[in-house]
Amino acid sequence: MIDNVPVAVSQAILANLIAPGAVIEVEFDGAGGVLDRSRPDAMPTLLAEPATADWQQRKATLARFFTPTLGFDDIVRINVLDGVRVYFHDGDRRARAAVGQRASAAHLCQQRFASARR
């Protein structure tokens, strides 16, 4: 759940950011590719379509909220093992805390997901 956000809103947001399936961590290679980093004991593998497009869409959704104006660098990895963790190019990993502190942004995110489904 997301701190300071109603449970139903939190669940809706997370449901749209956490992909079904076995992939729990991805890395964006900068050339449009998405690497599966789910197994720490194995080399990352390039995801095929449509998984690549799905993860790129999740990244684009998050990037609308974690902007350079707010002090965030480019998103380079996403981990959905037990929630949503976002890693940035500069090594910053504060997105999980920032989501909890930005209830209004989370609510806006939920509204955008709802309108996108229509």
C-alpha atoms as a PDB file:
ATOM      1  CA  MET A   1       0.000   0.000   0.000  1.00  0.00           C
ATOM      2  CA  ILE A   2       0.972   3.619  -0.418  1.00  0.00           C
ATOM      3  CA  ASP A   3       1.305   5.661   2.773  1.00  0.00           C
ATOM      4  CA  ASN A   4      -1.317   8.391   3.311  1.00  0.00           C
ATOM      5  CA  VAL A   5      -3.447   7.191   0.382  1.00  0.00           C
ATOM      6  CA  PRO A   6      -6.813   5.409   0.768  1.00  0.00           C
ATOM      7  CA  VAL A   7      -6.475   1.630   0.383  1.00  0.00           C
ATOM      8  CA  ALA A   8      -8.746   1.439  -2.685  1.00  0.00           C
ATOM      9  CA  VAL A   9      -6.796   4.182  -4.475  1.00  0.00           C
ATOM     10  CA  SER A  10      -3.483   2.587  -3.516  1.00  0.00           C
ATOM     11  CA  GLN A  11      -4.595  -0.806  -4.814  1.00  0.00           C
ATOM     12  CA  ALA A  12      -5.773   0.686  -8.117  1.00  0.00           C
ATOM     13  CA  ILE A  13      -2.479   2.474  -8.657  1.00  0.00           C
ATOM     14  CA  LEU A  14      -0.366  -0.571  -7.839  1.00  0.00           C
ATOM     15  CA  ALA A  15      -2.527  -2.870  -9.972  1.00  0.00           C
ATOM     16  CA  ASN A  16      -1.700  -0.737 -12.996  1.00  0.00           C
ATOM     17  CA  LEU A  17       2.012  -0.560 -12.254  1.00  0.00           C
ATOM     18  CA  ILE A  18       2.678  -4.189 -11.331  1.00  0.00           C
ATOM     19  CA  ALA A  19       2.724  -6.460 -14.359  1.00  0.00           C
ATOM     20  CA  PRO A  20       1.286  -9.955 -14.170  1.00  0.00           C
ATOM     21  CA  GLY A  21       3.825 -12.708 -14.632  1.00  0.00           C
ATOM     22  CA  ALA A  22       7.263 -13.624 -13.412  1.00  0.00           C
ATOM     23  CA  VAL A  23       9.146 -10.415 -14.250  1.00  0.00           C
ATOM     24  CA  ILE A  24       9.778  -8.492 -11.034  1.00  0.00           C
ATOM     25  CA  GLU A  25      12.620  -6.176 -12.021  1.00  0.00           C
ATOM     26  CA  VAL A  26      13.435  -4.497 -15.300  1.00  0.00           C
ATOM     27  CA  GLU A  27      16.162  -2.207 -16.568  1.00  0.00           C
ATOM     28  CA  PHE A  28      15.728   0.232 -19.453  1.00  0.00           C
ATOM     29  CA  ASP A  29      18.737   0.121 -21.777  1.00  0.00           C
ATOM     30  CA  GLY A  30      18.375   3.624 -23.211  1.00  0.00           C
ATOM     31  CA  ALA A  31      17.827   2.347 -26.756  1.00  0.00           C
ATOM     32  CA  GLY A  32      14.213   1.285 -26.237  1.00  0.00           C
ATOM     33  CA  GLY A  33      15.007  -2.185 -24.951  1.00  0.00           C
ATOM     34  CA  VAL A  34      13.887  -3.555 -21.607  1.00  0.00           C
ATOM     35  CA  LEU A  35      15.987  -6.119 -19.766  1.00  0.00           C
ATOM     36  CA  ASP A  36      14.583  -8.652 -17.299  1.00  0.00           C
ATOM     37  CA  ARG A  37      16.720  -8.442 -14.131  1.00  0.00           C
ATOM     38  CA  SER A  38      14.455 -10.654 -12.030  1.00  0.00           C
ATOM     39  CA  ARG A  39      17.114 -13.292 -11.331  1.00  0.00           C
ATOM     40  CA  PRO A  40      20.184 -11.895  -9.586  1.00  0.00           C
ATOM     41  CA  ASP A  41      22.138 -15.069 -10.366  1.00  0.00           C
ATOM     42  CA  ALA A  42      21.574 -14.770 -14.135  1.00  0.00           C
ATOM     43  CA  MET A  43      22.492 -12.308 -16.877  1.00  0.00           C
ATOM     44  CA  PRO A  44      19.694  -9.843 -17.695  1.00  0.00           C
ATOM     45  CA  THR A  45      17.731 -10.880 -20.774  1.00  0.00           C
ATOM     46  CA  LEU A  46      16.037  -8.659 -23.327  1.00  0.00           C
ATOM     47  CA  LEU A  47      12.239  -8.824 -23.133  1.00  0.00           C
ATOM     48  CA  ALA A  48      10.227  -9.389 -26.295  1.00  0.00           C
ATOM     49  CA  GLU A  49       7.133  -7.489 -27.406  1.00  0.00           C
ATOM     50  CA  PRO A  50       4.533  -6.851 -26.063  1.00  0.00           C
ATOM     51  CA  ALA A  51       6.260  -7.000 -22.674  1.00  0.00           C
ATOM     52  CA  THR A  52       8.757  -4.316 -23.701  1.00  0.00           C
ATOM     53  CA  ALA A  53       5.975  -1.917 -24.678  1.00  0.00           C
ATOM     54  CA  ASP A  54       4.077  -2.650 -21.457  1.00  0.00           C
ATOM     55  CA  TRP A  55       7.109  -1.848 -19.294  1.00  0.00           C
ATOM     56  CA  GLN A  56       7.893   1.267 -21.355  1.00  0.00           C
ATOM     57  CA  GLN A  57       4.305   2.419 -20.705  1.00  0.00           C
ATOM     58  CA  ARG A  58       4.726   1.875 -16.960  1.00  0.00           C
ATOM     59  CA  LYS A  59       7.943   3.887 -17.089  1.00  0.00           C
ATOM     60  CA  ALA A  60       6.197   6.695 -18.999  1.00  0.00           C
ATOM     61  CA  THR A  61       3.386   6.756 -16.440  1.00  0.00           C
ATOM     62  CA  LEU A  62       5.826   7.042 -13.546  1.00  0.00           C
ATOM     63  CA  ALA A  63       7.915   9.649 -15.369  1.00  0.00           C
ATOM     64  CA  ARG A  64       4.896  11.972 -15.489  1.00  0.00           C
ATOM     65  CA  PHE A  65       5.053  12.154 -11.683  1.00  0.00           C
ATOM     66  CA  PHE A  66       8.797  11.927 -11.065  1.00  0.00           C
ATOM     67  CA  THR A  67       9.917  14.823 -13.228  1.00  0.00           C
ATOM     68  CA  PRO A  68      13.208  16.722 -13.523  1.00  0.00           C
ATOM     69  CA  THR A  69      11.341  19.759 -12.180  1.00  0.00           C
ATOM     70  CA  LEU A  70      10.807  17.829  -8.940  1.00  0.00           C
ATOM     71  CA  GLY A  71      14.475  16.808  -8.862  1.00  0.00           C
ATOM     72  CA  PHE A  72      14.259  13.321 -10.354  1.00  0.00           C
ATOM     73  CA  ASP A  73      16.614  11.955 -13.012  1.00  0.00           C
ATOM     74  CA  ASP A  74      15.602   9.496 -15.778  1.00  0.00           C
ATOM     75  CA  ILE A  75      14.060   6.199 -14.644  1.00  0.00           C
ATOM     76  CA  VAL A  76      16.483   3.330 -15.312  1.00  0.00           C
ATOM     77  CA  ARG A  77      14.953   0.418 -13.344  1.00  0.00           C
ATOM     78  CA  ILE A  78      11.653  -0.634 -11.820  1.00  0.00           C
ATOM     79  CA  ASN A  79      11.248  -3.373  -9.213  1.00  0.00           C
ATOM     80  CA  VAL A  80       7.791  -4.716  -8.305  1.00  0.00           C
ATOM     81  CA  LEU A  81       8.720  -7.503  -5.893  1.00  0.00           C
ATOM     82  CA  ASP A  82       6.765  -6.109  -2.938  1.00  0.00           C
ATOM     83  CA  GLY A  83       5.376  -2.836  -4.217  1.00  0.00           C
ATOM     84  CA  VAL A  84       6.875  -0.458  -6.752  1.00  0.00           C
ATOM     85  CA  ARG A  85      10.477   0.722  -6.432  1.00  0.00           C
ATOM     86  CA  VAL A  86      11.822   3.146  -8.980  1.00  0.00           C
ATOM     87  CA  TYR A  87      15.542   3.637  -9.578  1.00  0.00           C
ATOM     88  CA  PHE A  88      16.873   6.738 -11.290  1.00  0.00           C
ATOM     89  CA  HIS A  89      19.937   7.349 -13.460  1.00  0.00           C
ATOM     90  CA  ASP A  90      21.668   9.319 -10.701  1.00  0.00           C
ATOM     91  CA  GLY A  91      21.310   6.370  -8.311  1.00  0.00           C
ATOM     92  CA  ASP A  92      18.417   7.929  -6.407  1.00  0.00           C
ATOM     93  CA  ARG A  93      15.815   5.473  -5.158  1.00  0.00           C
ATOM     94  CA  ARG A  94      13.471   7.756  -3.259  1.00  0.00           C
ATOM     95  CA  ALA A  95      10.385   7.202  -5.411  1.00  0.00           C
ATOM     96  CA  ARG A  96       8.800   4.745  -2.996  1.00  0.00           C
ATOM     97  CA  ALA A  97       8.944   7.298  -0.182  1.00  0.00           C
ATOM     98  CA  ALA A  98       7.950  10.128  -2.494  1.00  0.00           C
ATOM     99  CA  VAL A  99       4.841   8.266  -3.610  1.00  0.00           C
ATOM    100  CA  GLY A 100       3.814   7.904   0.013  1.00  0.00           C
ATOM    101  CA  GLN A 101       4.329  11.598   0.634  1.00  0.00           C
ATOM    102  CA  ARG A 102       2.426  12.697  -2.451  1.00  0.00           C
ATOM    103  CA  ALA A 103      -1.140  11.576  -1.855  1.00  0.00           C
ATOM    104  CA  SER A 104      -2.432  14.185  -4.279  1.00  0.00           C
ATOM    105  CA  ALA A 105      -0.110  12.913  -7.025  1.00  0.00           C
ATOM    106  CA  ALA A 106      -1.162   9.346  -6.291  1.00  0.00           C
ATOM    107  CA  HIS A 107      -4.806  10.307  -6.477  1.00  0.00           C
ATOM    108  CA  LEU A 108      -4.166  12.093  -9.779  1.00  0.00           C
ATOM    109  CA  CYS A 109      -2.382   8.980 -11.037  1.00  0.00           C
ATOM    110  CA  GLN A 110      -5.406   6.865 -10.149  1.00  0.00           C
ATOM    111  CA  GLN A 111      -7.706   9.292 -11.970  1.00  0.00           C
ATOM    112  CA  ARG A 112      -5.507   9.153 -15.081  1.00  0.00           C
ATOM    113  CA  PHE A 113      -5.556   5.346 -15.044  1.00  0.00           C
ATOM    114  CA  ALA A 114      -9.340   5.413 -14.744  1.00  0.00           C
ATOM    115  CA  SER A 115      -9.708   7.801 -17.676  1.00  0.00           C
ATOM    116  CA  ALA A 116      -7.225   5.791 -19.765  1.00  0.00           C
ATOM    117  CA  ARG A 117      -9.361   2.659 -19.327  1.00  0.00           C
ATOM    118  CA  ARG A 118     -12.404   4.355 -20.865  1.00  0.00           C
END
